[in-house]
Amino acid sequence: LVRPIPPRDPPSRKYRLMEDVDAFHNDGWWEGVVTKVLGSSSEGSRRYAVFFRCSREQIEFDPSDLRLHREWGRGDVWVTPLDLSHSLRYALHLSVFGLNGCVLV
């Protein structure tokens, strides 16, 4: 089964804090979360800091290298995450422990 390429976001798309996105990095698309909305770049567009949970790194991106994260859902359609509980849990983690926080149990 080969799935189609996810749709691109319009160039005017503005990403929000804690929004799940895919970022084009190292020749592939990687899932991350927007952690900062930064000022304009030299081209006049906003830049975004994206945190990658898998590698625990944060990298800045132009909007042209981002797209809203989508999952290939049942019914053969791309679905945007509707469950905010993961993002809310992550936001709580950041507010309490910061980006590099560890918890010993």
N, C-alpha and C. Protein backbone atom coordinates (compact mmCIF):
# COMPACT_ATOMS: atom_id res chain seq x y z
N LEU A 1 0.84 -1.18 0.00
CA LEU A 1 0.00 0.00 0.00
C LEU A 1 0.89 1.24 0.00
N VAL A 2 0.70 2.10 -0.97
CA VAL A 2 1.44 3.35 -1.06
C VAL A 2 0.46 4.49 -0.83
N ARG A 3 0.76 5.32 0.13
CA ARG A 3 -0.13 6.45 0.41
C ARG A 3 0.30 7.66 -0.41
N PRO A 4 -0.63 8.56 -0.72
CA PRO A 4 -0.27 9.77 -1.48
C PRO A 4 0.49 10.77 -0.60
N ILE A 5 1.12 11.72 -1.24
CA ILE A 5 1.83 12.78 -0.54
C ILE A 5 0.82 13.65 0.21
N PRO A 6 1.09 14.01 1.46
CA PRO A 6 0.15 14.88 2.19
C PRO A 6 0.03 16.24 1.49
N PRO A 7 -1.11 16.89 1.63
CA PRO A 7 -1.27 18.20 0.99
C PRO A 7 -0.36 19.24 1.62
N ARG A 8 0.07 20.21 0.82
CA ARG A 8 0.88 21.32 1.31
C ARG A 8 -0.03 22.37 1.92
N ASP A 9 0.46 23.07 2.91
CA ASP A 9 -0.30 24.17 3.50
C ASP A 9 -0.16 25.40 2.59
N PRO A 10 -1.16 26.28 2.60
CA PRO A 10 -1.04 27.50 1.80
C PRO A 10 0.12 28.36 2.31
N PRO A 11 0.76 29.13 1.42
CA PRO A 11 1.90 29.96 1.85
C PRO A 11 1.56 30.94 2.97
N SER A 12 0.30 31.31 3.08
CA SER A 12 -0.10 32.27 4.11
C SER A 12 -0.34 31.62 5.47
N ARG A 13 -0.17 30.30 5.56
CA ARG A 13 -0.45 29.56 6.80
C ARG A 13 0.45 30.05 7.92
N LYS A 14 -0.15 30.36 9.06
CA LYS A 14 0.60 30.74 10.26
C LYS A 14 0.44 29.61 11.28
N TYR A 15 1.56 29.12 11.76
CA TYR A 15 1.55 28.02 12.72
C TYR A 15 1.47 28.59 14.13
N ARG A 16 0.85 27.83 15.03
CA ARG A 16 0.64 28.26 16.41
C ARG A 16 1.58 27.51 17.35
N LEU A 17 1.81 28.10 18.51
CA LEU A 17 2.60 27.42 19.54
C LEU A 17 1.95 26.08 19.88
N MET A 18 2.77 25.09 20.07
CA MET A 18 2.38 23.74 20.46
C MET A 18 1.61 23.00 19.36
N GLU A 19 1.64 23.52 18.14
CA GLU A 19 0.97 22.84 17.04
C GLU A 19 1.89 21.76 16.48
N ASP A 20 1.33 20.58 16.22
CA ASP A 20 2.10 19.49 15.63
C ASP A 20 2.33 19.77 14.16
N VAL A 21 3.60 19.71 13.73
CA VAL A 21 3.96 19.99 12.35
C VAL A 21 4.92 18.91 11.86
N ASP A 22 5.08 18.84 10.55
CA ASP A 22 6.15 18.07 9.93
C ASP A 22 7.12 19.10 9.38
N ALA A 23 8.41 18.89 9.61
CA ALA A 23 9.44 19.81 9.14
C ALA A 23 10.38 19.08 8.19
N PHE A 24 10.71 19.74 7.07
CA PHE A 24 11.64 19.14 6.11
C PHE A 24 13.05 19.42 6.59
N HIS A 25 13.76 18.34 6.96
CA HIS A 25 15.10 18.45 7.54
C HIS A 25 15.89 17.20 7.18
N ASN A 26 17.14 17.36 6.78
CA ASN A 26 18.00 16.23 6.41
C ASN A 26 17.32 15.33 5.37
N ASP A 27 16.79 15.93 4.33
CA ASP A 27 16.19 15.21 3.19
C ASP A 27 14.97 14.38 3.53
N GLY A 28 14.25 14.75 4.58
CA GLY A 28 13.03 14.03 4.92
C GLY A 28 12.12 14.87 5.79
N TRP A 29 10.89 14.40 5.95
CA TRP A 29 9.91 15.07 6.79
C TRP A 29 9.91 14.43 8.17
N TRP A 30 10.03 15.26 9.21
CA TRP A 30 10.12 14.79 10.59
C TRP A 30 9.04 15.46 11.42
N GLU A 31 8.40 14.67 12.29
CA GLU A 31 7.33 15.20 13.13
C GLU A 31 7.91 15.96 14.32
N GLY A 32 7.36 17.15 14.57
CA GLY A 32 7.80 17.96 15.69
C GLY A 32 6.66 18.84 16.19
N VAL A 33 7.01 19.73 17.09
CA VAL A 33 6.01 20.64 17.66
C VAL A 33 6.58 22.06 17.66
N VAL A 34 5.76 23.04 17.29
CA VAL A 34 6.20 24.44 17.27
C VAL A 34 6.36 24.91 18.71
N THR A 35 7.58 25.36 19.06
CA THR A 35 7.85 25.82 20.41
C THR A 35 8.05 27.33 20.50
N LYS A 36 8.33 27.98 19.36
CA LYS A 36 8.49 29.44 19.34
C LYS A 36 8.06 29.98 17.99
N VAL A 37 7.43 31.14 18.00
CA VAL A 37 7.16 31.89 16.77
C VAL A 37 8.15 33.04 16.79
N LEU A 38 9.05 33.04 15.81
CA LEU A 38 10.15 34.00 15.79
C LEU A 38 9.84 35.15 14.84
N GLY A 39 10.65 36.17 14.88
CA GLY A 39 10.48 37.33 14.00
C GLY A 39 10.71 36.99 12.55
N SER A 40 10.65 37.99 11.73
CA SER A 40 10.76 37.81 10.29
C SER A 40 12.19 37.49 9.87
N SER A 41 12.30 36.70 8.81
CA SER A 41 13.60 36.41 8.21
C SER A 41 13.89 37.48 7.17
N SER A 42 15.00 37.36 6.47
CA SER A 42 15.37 38.35 5.45
C SER A 42 14.35 38.42 4.32
N GLU A 43 13.62 37.32 4.07
CA GLU A 43 12.60 37.31 3.02
C GLU A 43 11.29 37.92 3.50
N GLY A 44 11.22 38.31 4.77
CA GLY A 44 10.01 38.93 5.29
C GLY A 44 9.00 37.97 5.87
N SER A 45 9.32 36.69 5.94
CA SER A 45 8.38 35.73 6.50
C SER A 45 8.79 35.36 7.92
N ARG A 46 7.83 34.87 8.67
CA ARG A 46 8.12 34.43 10.03
C ARG A 46 8.99 33.18 9.99
N ARG A 47 9.65 32.93 11.11
CA ARG A 47 10.37 31.67 11.30
C ARG A 47 9.80 31.02 12.54
N TYR A 48 9.99 29.70 12.61
CA TYR A 48 9.43 28.93 13.71
C TYR A 48 10.50 28.02 14.29
N ALA A 49 10.52 27.91 15.61
CA ALA A 49 11.37 26.92 16.28
C ALA A 49 10.53 25.67 16.47
N VAL A 50 11.09 24.54 16.04
CA VAL A 50 10.39 23.26 16.13
C VAL A 50 11.23 22.31 16.98
N PHE A 51 10.57 21.69 17.95
CA PHE A 51 11.22 20.71 18.82
C PHE A 51 10.87 19.32 18.35
N PHE A 52 11.91 18.49 18.18
CA PHE A 52 11.72 17.10 17.75
C PHE A 52 11.84 16.20 18.97
N ARG A 53 10.75 15.55 19.29
CA ARG A 53 10.72 14.69 20.48
C ARG A 53 11.71 13.54 20.37
N CYS A 54 11.82 12.96 19.16
CA CYS A 54 12.66 11.76 18.99
C CYS A 54 14.14 12.07 19.21
N SER A 55 14.62 13.21 18.76
CA SER A 55 16.04 13.54 18.89
C SER A 55 16.30 14.57 19.98
N ARG A 56 15.24 15.12 20.57
CA ARG A 56 15.34 16.12 21.63
C ARG A 56 16.15 17.34 21.19
N GLU A 57 15.96 17.76 19.94
CA GLU A 57 16.63 18.97 19.47
C GLU A 57 15.60 19.97 18.96
N GLN A 58 15.97 21.24 19.01
CA GLN A 58 15.11 22.31 18.53
C GLN A 58 15.83 23.03 17.40
N ILE A 59 15.13 23.21 16.27
CA ILE A 59 15.72 23.81 15.08
C ILE A 59 14.75 24.86 14.54
N GLU A 60 15.29 25.95 13.97
CA GLU A 60 14.47 27.01 13.38
C GLU A 60 14.21 26.71 11.91
N PHE A 61 12.96 27.01 11.46
CA PHE A 61 12.55 26.75 10.09
C PHE A 61 11.79 27.92 9.50
N ASP A 62 11.93 28.08 8.18
CA ASP A 62 11.05 28.97 7.42
C ASP A 62 9.73 28.23 7.22
N PRO A 63 8.63 28.97 7.03
CA PRO A 63 7.34 28.31 6.83
C PRO A 63 7.31 27.38 5.61
N SER A 64 8.14 27.66 4.61
CA SER A 64 8.14 26.82 3.41
C SER A 64 8.64 25.41 3.70
N ASP A 65 9.31 25.21 4.83
CA ASP A 65 9.81 23.89 5.21
C ASP A 65 8.93 23.22 6.26
N LEU A 66 7.72 23.75 6.47
CA LEU A 66 6.80 23.18 7.45
C LEU A 66 5.47 22.84 6.80
N ARG A 67 4.79 21.88 7.39
CA ARG A 67 3.41 21.58 7.03
C ARG A 67 2.72 21.06 8.28
N LEU A 68 1.41 21.25 8.35
CA LEU A 68 0.63 20.74 9.46
C LEU A 68 0.77 19.22 9.49
N HIS A 69 1.01 18.66 10.67
CA HIS A 69 1.15 17.20 10.77
C HIS A 69 -0.19 16.52 10.50
N ARG A 70 -0.15 15.49 9.69
CA ARG A 70 -1.34 14.71 9.37
C ARG A 70 -1.01 13.23 9.46
N GLU A 71 -2.01 12.45 9.78
CA GLU A 71 -1.88 10.98 9.81
C GLU A 71 -2.70 10.41 8.67
N TRP A 72 -2.23 9.31 8.10
CA TRP A 72 -2.98 8.61 7.06
C TRP A 72 -4.05 7.80 7.77
N GLY A 73 -5.30 8.22 7.65
CA GLY A 73 -6.38 7.63 8.43
C GLY A 73 -7.18 6.59 7.70
N ARG A 74 -8.10 6.03 8.42
CA ARG A 74 -9.03 5.07 7.83
C ARG A 74 -9.87 5.79 6.79
N GLY A 75 -10.25 5.09 5.78
CA GLY A 75 -11.01 5.71 4.71
C GLY A 75 -10.11 6.34 3.67
N ASP A 76 -8.79 6.07 3.79
CA ASP A 76 -7.81 6.55 2.81
C ASP A 76 -7.84 8.06 2.65
N VAL A 77 -7.78 8.77 3.76
CA VAL A 77 -7.71 10.23 3.73
C VAL A 77 -6.67 10.70 4.75
N TRP A 78 -6.11 11.88 4.52
CA TRP A 78 -5.21 12.48 5.48
C TRP A 78 -6.04 13.16 6.56
N VAL A 79 -5.67 12.91 7.82
CA VAL A 79 -6.43 13.43 8.95
C VAL A 79 -5.50 14.28 9.82
N THR A 80 -5.98 15.47 10.22
CA THR A 80 -5.21 16.28 11.17
C THR A 80 -5.51 15.80 12.58
N PRO A 81 -4.53 15.85 13.47
CA PRO A 81 -4.78 15.39 14.84
C PRO A 81 -5.84 16.26 15.52
N LEU A 82 -6.89 15.63 15.98
CA LEU A 82 -7.95 16.36 16.68
C LEU A 82 -7.79 16.24 18.19
N ASP A 83 -7.03 15.24 18.62
CA ASP A 83 -6.85 15.01 20.05
C ASP A 83 -5.78 15.96 20.58
N LEU A 84 -6.19 16.99 21.30
CA LEU A 84 -5.25 17.96 21.83
C LEU A 84 -4.59 17.51 23.11
N SER A 85 -5.02 16.37 23.65
CA SER A 85 -4.50 15.95 24.94
C SER A 85 -2.98 15.77 24.91
N HIS A 86 -2.42 15.25 23.81
CA HIS A 86 -0.97 15.06 23.73
C HIS A 86 -0.26 16.41 23.77
N SER A 87 -0.74 17.36 22.97
CA SER A 87 -0.12 18.69 22.95
C SER A 87 -0.26 19.38 24.30
N LEU A 88 -1.40 19.22 24.94
CA LEU A 88 -1.59 19.84 26.24
C LEU A 88 -0.69 19.22 27.30
N ARG A 89 -0.53 17.89 27.25
CA ARG A 89 0.39 17.23 28.19
C ARG A 89 1.81 17.72 27.95
N TYR A 90 2.20 17.87 26.67
CA TYR A 90 3.54 18.32 26.34
C TYR A 90 3.74 19.77 26.80
N ALA A 91 2.74 20.62 26.61
CA ALA A 91 2.83 22.01 27.06
C ALA A 91 3.01 22.07 28.57
N LEU A 92 2.29 21.23 29.29
CA LEU A 92 2.44 21.18 30.74
C LEU A 92 3.84 20.74 31.12
N HIS A 93 4.36 19.73 30.42
CA HIS A 93 5.72 19.26 30.68
C HIS A 93 6.72 20.40 30.47
N LEU A 94 6.59 21.15 29.36
CA LEU A 94 7.51 22.25 29.09
C LEU A 94 7.41 23.33 30.16
N SER A 95 6.20 23.64 30.58
CA SER A 95 6.03 24.71 31.56
C SER A 95 6.62 24.32 32.92
N VAL A 96 6.61 23.04 33.24
CA VAL A 96 7.11 22.59 34.54
C VAL A 96 8.60 22.27 34.49
N PHE A 97 9.05 21.56 33.44
CA PHE A 97 10.41 21.04 33.41
C PHE A 97 11.31 21.71 32.38
N GLY A 98 10.79 22.46 31.42
CA GLY A 98 11.61 23.05 30.37
C GLY A 98 11.92 22.04 29.29
N LEU A 99 12.65 22.47 28.25
CA LEU A 99 12.95 21.59 27.12
C LEU A 99 13.85 20.43 27.49
N ASN A 100 14.77 20.63 28.42
CA ASN A 100 15.73 19.57 28.75
C ASN A 100 15.45 18.94 30.11
N GLY A 101 14.23 19.11 30.59
CA GLY A 101 13.89 18.61 31.92
C GLY A 101 13.83 17.09 31.98
N CYS A 102 14.27 16.56 33.10
CA CYS A 102 14.20 15.12 33.34
C CYS A 102 13.48 14.90 34.66
N VAL A 103 12.81 13.80 34.74
CA VAL A 103 12.10 13.46 35.97
C VAL A 103 12.61 12.11 36.44
N LEU A 104 13.06 12.05 37.69
CA LEU A 104 13.49 10.78 38.27
C LEU A 104 12.35 10.25 39.12
N VAL A 105 12.02 8.99 38.91
CA VAL A 105 10.93 8.38 39.67
C VAL A 105 11.48 7.25 40.50
